[in-house]
């Protein structure tokens, strides 16, 4: 996975401050977000998730002596506005699918709704990236790198890209039936573009026999999804789901089958990140 070199450091020494600040933010804003009266989540979701991000980044530093924040602070800060832009894109798609809605935001004027929502949306991408690095810091992830590449993968990008175009078209035309394609089409659109431009891509990793980015980003989005749904469960405002055919066996607000959308969402974030930046300080394994 292309990236910048790690900074040398003693594991446990680097990131200790971020880890402590992150835990402090979680310990403070989790109960405030759940138990304060009124529409508190509009302002408290951002510091709660910032606490998660700093805690996870600190845990990576304690394990490896390096982390996203320590390697490139300006790039790390740039993740937040990019994250807001990415999730507003999904909100645009949701105008077609109507798979989720926010309860309580109707009390906010349009400008305040946009501001509060953008603050919350800005934490999505950095949360998944730091979690992917944390997962990638464990030795078991090396099992997913065989070094035996798949032959012929270099011929896949055009077909995968056309598949993504087809999935996106079907989603837009028949959103009630093909709503799952919202969480797979962008993977198939962005990854071939990255592969064709020589940027990090999942297809290129498969060609090298390296499945670590697929595993790390899939599990990272799933873990973040658990906390998104957990912290949403007693928030105000909060979101609800309207998922055709699979609206059963709920864990918090999300039907259990809906959690299957989180891994491809993680792969979409991988693709969108490298669509914007050729080089990133990301390290998996």
Protein backbone atom coordinates (compact mmCIF):
# COMPACT_ATOMS: atom_id res chain seq x y z
CA UNK A 1 0.00 0.00 0.00
CA UNK A 2 1.58 3.24 -1.13
CA UNK A 3 2.32 5.72 1.62
CA UNK A 4 4.86 7.73 3.52
CA UNK A 5 7.57 6.18 5.68
CA UNK A 6 6.85 5.56 9.32
CA UNK A 7 8.47 7.81 11.86
CA UNK A 8 10.64 5.88 14.25
CA UNK A 9 9.54 5.92 17.83
CA UNK A 10 9.09 3.83 20.92
CA UNK A 11 5.63 2.22 20.93
CA UNK A 12 3.66 3.69 23.80
CA UNK A 13 5.57 6.98 23.84
CA UNK A 14 4.01 8.47 20.72
CA UNK A 15 0.29 9.10 20.78
CA UNK A 16 -0.12 8.96 24.56
CA UNK A 17 -1.52 12.51 24.63
CA UNK A 18 -3.97 11.84 21.79
CA UNK A 19 -5.09 8.63 23.49
CA UNK A 20 -5.79 10.38 26.80
CA UNK A 21 -7.54 13.35 25.20
CA UNK A 22 -9.64 10.97 23.12
CA UNK A 23 -10.74 8.95 26.14
CA UNK A 24 -11.55 12.18 27.98
CA UNK A 25 -13.75 13.38 25.11
CA UNK A 26 -15.59 10.04 24.94
CA UNK A 27 -16.06 9.91 28.70
CA UNK A 28 -17.44 13.46 28.73
CA UNK A 29 -19.56 13.63 25.58
CA UNK A 30 -21.02 10.11 25.51
CA UNK A 31 -23.17 10.66 28.63
CA UNK A 32 -23.92 14.27 27.66
CA UNK A 33 -25.04 13.12 24.21
CA UNK A 34 -27.39 10.53 25.72
CA UNK A 35 -28.76 12.22 28.82
CA UNK A 36 -28.87 16.00 28.35
CA UNK A 37 -32.38 17.25 27.55
CA UNK A 38 -33.23 18.86 24.22
CA UNK A 39 -31.59 18.62 20.82
CA UNK A 40 -28.06 18.12 22.13
CA UNK A 41 -26.68 15.68 19.55
CA UNK A 42 -26.48 18.35 16.87
CA UNK A 43 -23.53 19.80 18.77
CA UNK A 44 -22.19 16.82 20.72
CA UNK A 45 -21.82 14.14 18.02
CA UNK A 46 -18.69 15.80 16.62
CA UNK A 47 -16.67 15.93 19.88
CA UNK A 48 -17.80 12.39 20.72
CA UNK A 49 -16.48 11.06 17.41
CA UNK A 50 -13.39 13.24 17.63
CA UNK A 51 -12.72 11.42 20.88
CA UNK A 52 -13.06 8.09 19.08
CA UNK A 53 -10.68 9.24 16.33
CA UNK A 54 -8.01 10.47 18.75
CA UNK A 55 -8.33 7.38 20.94
CA UNK A 56 -7.95 5.04 17.98
CA UNK A 57 -5.08 7.07 16.54
CA UNK A 58 -3.38 6.98 19.93
CA UNK A 59 -3.85 3.22 20.13
CA UNK A 60 -2.13 2.84 16.76
CA UNK A 61 0.76 4.99 17.99
CA UNK A 62 1.08 2.96 21.17
CA UNK A 63 1.25 -0.25 19.13
CA UNK A 64 3.49 0.85 16.26
CA UNK A 65 5.23 4.10 17.26
CA UNK A 66 3.51 5.95 14.42
CA UNK A 67 0.01 6.97 13.31
CA UNK A 68 -1.87 8.98 10.72
CA UNK A 69 -1.93 12.09 12.90
CA UNK A 70 1.75 11.90 13.81
CA UNK A 71 2.88 11.27 10.22
CA UNK A 72 1.02 14.12 8.52
CA UNK A 73 -1.09 16.52 10.58
CA UNK A 74 -2.12 18.71 7.65
CA UNK A 75 -3.31 15.72 5.65
CA UNK A 76 -5.13 14.44 8.73
CA UNK A 77 -6.93 17.77 9.15
CA UNK A 78 -7.88 17.77 5.46
CA UNK A 79 -9.75 14.49 5.98
CA UNK A 80 -12.52 16.29 7.86
CA UNK A 81 -13.82 18.61 5.09
CA UNK A 82 -13.39 15.80 2.55
CA UNK A 83 -15.42 13.53 4.80
CA UNK A 84 -18.26 16.05 4.99
CA UNK A 85 -18.28 16.38 1.20
CA UNK A 86 -18.34 12.60 0.75
CA UNK A 87 -21.25 12.06 3.10
CA UNK A 88 -23.23 14.92 1.54
CA UNK A 89 -22.84 12.93 -1.69
CA UNK A 90 -24.51 9.97 0.00
CA UNK A 91 -27.21 12.28 1.33
CA UNK A 92 -27.83 13.31 -2.28
CA UNK A 93 -28.20 9.66 -3.26
CA UNK A 94 -30.55 9.15 -0.33
CA UNK A 95 -32.93 11.71 -1.81
CA UNK A 96 -33.57 8.99 -4.39
CA UNK A 97 -33.57 5.92 -2.14
CA UNK A 98 -35.08 7.39 1.07
CA UNK A 99 -33.37 4.63 3.07
CA UNK A 100 -32.73 6.81 6.12
CA UNK A 101 -34.17 9.95 7.65
CA UNK A 102 -33.32 12.23 10.56
CA UNK A 103 -35.84 12.77 13.33
CA UNK A 104 -35.66 16.14 15.06
CA UNK A 105 -33.68 18.16 12.53
CA UNK A 106 -36.87 19.81 11.29
CA UNK A 107 -36.54 22.13 14.31
CA UNK A 108 -33.37 23.64 12.85
CA UNK A 109 -33.23 26.40 10.22
CA UNK A 110 -31.60 25.34 6.95
CA UNK A 111 -28.25 27.04 7.60
CA UNK A 112 -27.93 25.50 11.08
CA UNK A 113 -28.98 22.09 9.78
CA UNK A 114 -26.22 22.29 7.17
CA UNK A 115 -23.62 23.42 9.72
CA UNK A 116 -24.45 20.81 12.36
CA UNK A 117 -24.77 18.02 9.81
CA UNK A 118 -21.47 18.93 8.16
CA UNK A 119 -19.72 18.84 11.54
CA UNK A 120 -21.04 15.35 12.21
CA UNK A 121 -20.36 14.13 8.66
CA UNK A 122 -16.76 15.36 8.87
CA UNK A 123 -15.86 12.58 11.30
CA UNK A 124 -16.89 9.65 9.06
CA UNK A 125 -13.78 9.32 6.89
CA UNK A 126 -11.11 9.86 9.60
CA UNK A 127 -12.93 7.41 11.87
CA UNK A 128 -12.76 4.62 9.31
CA UNK A 129 -9.16 5.38 8.29
CA UNK A 130 -7.75 5.34 11.82
CA UNK A 131 -9.71 2.16 12.58
CA UNK A 132 -8.33 0.51 9.44
CA UNK A 133 -4.80 1.39 10.58
CA UNK A 134 -5.51 -0.03 14.03
CA UNK A 135 -6.78 -3.29 12.53
CA UNK A 136 -3.78 -3.31 10.21
CA UNK A 137 -1.40 -3.07 13.16
CA UNK A 138 -2.16 -6.62 14.35
CA UNK A 139 0.00 -9.52 13.27
CA UNK A 140 -2.95 -11.66 12.14
CA UNK A 141 -3.56 -9.27 9.23
CA UNK A 142 -0.41 -10.67 7.59
CA UNK A 143 -2.32 -13.89 6.90
CA UNK A 144 -4.17 -12.03 4.16
CA UNK A 145 -0.99 -11.36 2.20
CA UNK A 146 0.00 -14.47 0.33
CA UNK A 147 2.29 -12.79 -2.20
CA UNK A 148 0.72 -14.96 -4.88
CA UNK A 149 -1.06 -12.53 -7.16
CA UNK A 150 -4.10 -13.25 -9.26
CA UNK A 151 -3.16 -13.43 -12.92
CA UNK A 152 -5.17 -11.34 -15.33
CA UNK A 153 -6.31 -8.79 -12.74
CA UNK A 154 -4.84 -6.01 -14.88
CA UNK A 155 -7.63 -6.73 -17.40
CA UNK A 156 -10.42 -6.36 -14.83
CA UNK A 157 -10.72 -2.54 -14.41
CA UNK A 158 -12.79 -1.80 -17.57
CA UNK A 159 -15.31 -4.54 -16.77
CA UNK A 160 -15.47 -3.54 -13.10
CA UNK A 161 -15.97 0.12 -14.05
CA UNK A 162 -18.80 -0.76 -16.45
CA UNK A 163 -20.33 -2.87 -13.72
CA UNK A 164 -20.25 0.14 -11.43
CA UNK A 165 -21.94 2.31 -14.05
CA UNK A 166 -24.63 -0.35 -14.45
CA UNK A 167 -25.18 -0.68 -10.71
CA UNK A 168 -25.43 3.07 -10.24
CA UNK A 169 -27.88 3.32 -13.14
CA UNK A 170 -30.08 0.55 -11.74
CA UNK A 171 -30.01 2.17 -8.30
CA UNK A 172 -31.11 5.54 -9.71
CA UNK A 173 -33.83 3.99 -11.90
CA UNK A 174 -35.20 1.44 -9.41
CA UNK A 175 -34.02 2.50 -5.94
CA UNK A 176 -36.51 0.34 -4.03
CA UNK A 177 -35.17 -2.85 -5.64
CA UNK A 178 -31.51 -2.01 -6.20
CA UNK A 179 -30.78 0.14 -3.13
CA UNK A 180 -27.84 -2.16 -2.09
CA UNK A 181 -26.00 -0.96 -5.21
CA UNK A 182 -25.56 2.41 -3.51
CA UNK A 183 -22.95 0.67 -1.31
CA UNK A 184 -21.19 -1.20 -4.11
CA UNK A 185 -21.35 1.00 -7.21
CA UNK A 186 -18.85 3.60 -6.03
CA UNK A 187 -16.32 0.88 -5.22
CA UNK A 188 -16.54 -0.35 -8.79
CA UNK A 189 -16.32 3.20 -10.18
CA UNK A 190 -13.44 4.59 -8.12
CA UNK A 191 -11.17 1.56 -7.81
CA UNK A 192 -10.61 1.02 -11.57
CA UNK A 193 -9.92 4.75 -11.95
CA UNK A 194 -7.29 4.55 -9.21
CA UNK A 195 -5.78 1.40 -10.72
CA UNK A 196 -5.58 3.02 -14.15
CA UNK A 197 -3.83 6.08 -12.71
CA UNK A 198 -1.28 4.03 -10.79
CA UNK A 199 -2.80 4.89 -7.42
CA UNK A 200 -3.44 2.45 -4.56
CA UNK A 201 -6.43 0.29 -5.44
CA UNK A 202 -8.08 -2.87 -4.20
CA UNK A 203 -7.73 -4.45 -7.63
CA UNK A 204 -3.99 -3.80 -7.62
CA UNK A 205 -3.76 -5.32 -4.15
CA UNK A 206 -5.59 -8.45 -5.32
CA UNK A 207 -3.18 -8.65 -8.23
CA UNK A 208 -0.29 -8.72 -5.76
CA UNK A 209 -2.00 -11.29 -3.57
CA UNK A 210 -2.48 -8.70 -0.82
CA UNK A 211 -5.98 -8.76 0.68
CA UNK A 212 -5.05 -6.71 3.75
CA UNK A 213 -6.63 -3.42 2.60
CA UNK A 214 -9.89 -5.21 1.76
CA UNK A 215 -10.02 -6.90 5.16
CA UNK A 216 -8.86 -3.86 7.15
CA UNK A 217 -11.21 -1.34 5.54
CA UNK A 218 -14.16 -3.73 5.52
CA UNK A 219 -13.79 -4.53 9.22
CA UNK A 220 -13.03 -0.89 10.07
CA UNK A 221 -16.29 0.34 8.54
CA UNK A 222 -18.19 -2.46 10.27
CA UNK A 223 -16.70 -1.56 13.66
CA UNK A 224 -17.40 2.14 13.13
CA UNK A 225 -20.91 1.19 12.00
CA UNK A 226 -21.51 -0.53 15.33
CA UNK A 227 -20.55 2.64 17.21
CA UNK A 228 -22.55 4.86 14.84
CA UNK A 229 -25.65 2.82 15.55
CA UNK A 230 -24.91 2.49 19.27
CA UNK A 231 -24.41 6.21 19.84
CA UNK A 232 -27.37 7.05 17.63
CA UNK A 233 -29.68 4.81 19.67
CA UNK A 234 -30.25 7.44 22.40
CA UNK A 235 -29.30 10.56 20.50
CA UNK A 236 -31.48 13.58 19.79
CA UNK A 237 -31.76 14.26 16.86
CA UNK A 238 -31.34 10.69 15.61
CA UNK A 239 -31.69 8.75 12.37
CA UNK A 240 -34.08 5.97 11.43
CA UNK A 241 -34.03 3.48 8.55
CA UNK A 242 -36.59 2.54 5.91
CA UNK A 243 -35.01 -0.46 4.17
CA UNK A 244 -37.21 -2.47 1.79
CA UNK A 245 -37.43 -6.27 2.20
CA UNK A 246 -34.85 -6.47 5.03
CA UNK A 247 -36.46 -4.42 7.78
CA UNK A 248 -36.17 -6.99 10.58
CA UNK A 249 -33.89 -8.21 13.41
CA UNK A 250 -32.79 -4.76 14.47
CA UNK A 251 -29.59 -4.04 16.37
CA UNK A 252 -30.23 -0.48 17.53
CA UNK A 253 -31.95 1.35 14.63
CA UNK A 254 -30.29 -0.71 11.90
CA UNK A 255 -31.79 -4.02 10.69
CA UNK A 256 -29.13 -6.72 10.98
CA UNK A 257 -28.94 -7.31 7.20
CA UNK A 258 -28.17 -3.61 6.82
CA UNK A 259 -24.80 -4.07 8.54
CA UNK A 260 -23.66 -5.92 5.43
CA UNK A 261 -23.48 -2.52 3.73
CA UNK A 262 -20.71 -1.29 6.01
CA UNK A 263 -17.76 -3.28 4.56
CA UNK A 264 -18.33 -2.06 0.96
CA UNK A 265 -18.80 1.43 2.39
CA UNK A 266 -15.29 1.11 3.84
CA UNK A 267 -13.99 0.09 0.41
CA UNK A 268 -15.74 3.10 -1.11
CA UNK A 269 -13.95 5.37 1.35
CA UNK A 270 -10.64 3.73 0.42
CA UNK A 271 -11.35 4.43 -3.25
CA UNK A 272 -12.56 8.00 -2.75
CA UNK A 273 -9.56 8.84 -0.55
CA UNK A 274 -7.09 7.72 -3.20
CA UNK A 275 -9.13 9.33 -5.94
CA UNK A 276 -8.35 12.66 -4.23
CA UNK A 277 -4.76 11.95 -3.13
CA UNK A 278 -2.12 10.01 -5.03
CA UNK A 279 0.01 9.54 -1.92
CA UNK A 280 -1.32 9.10 1.59
CA UNK A 281 0.34 8.25 4.91
CA UNK A 282 -1.93 5.20 5.30
CA UNK A 283 -0.22 2.03 6.54
CA UNK A 284 -1.91 -1.36 6.69
CA UNK A 285 0.30 -4.11 8.08
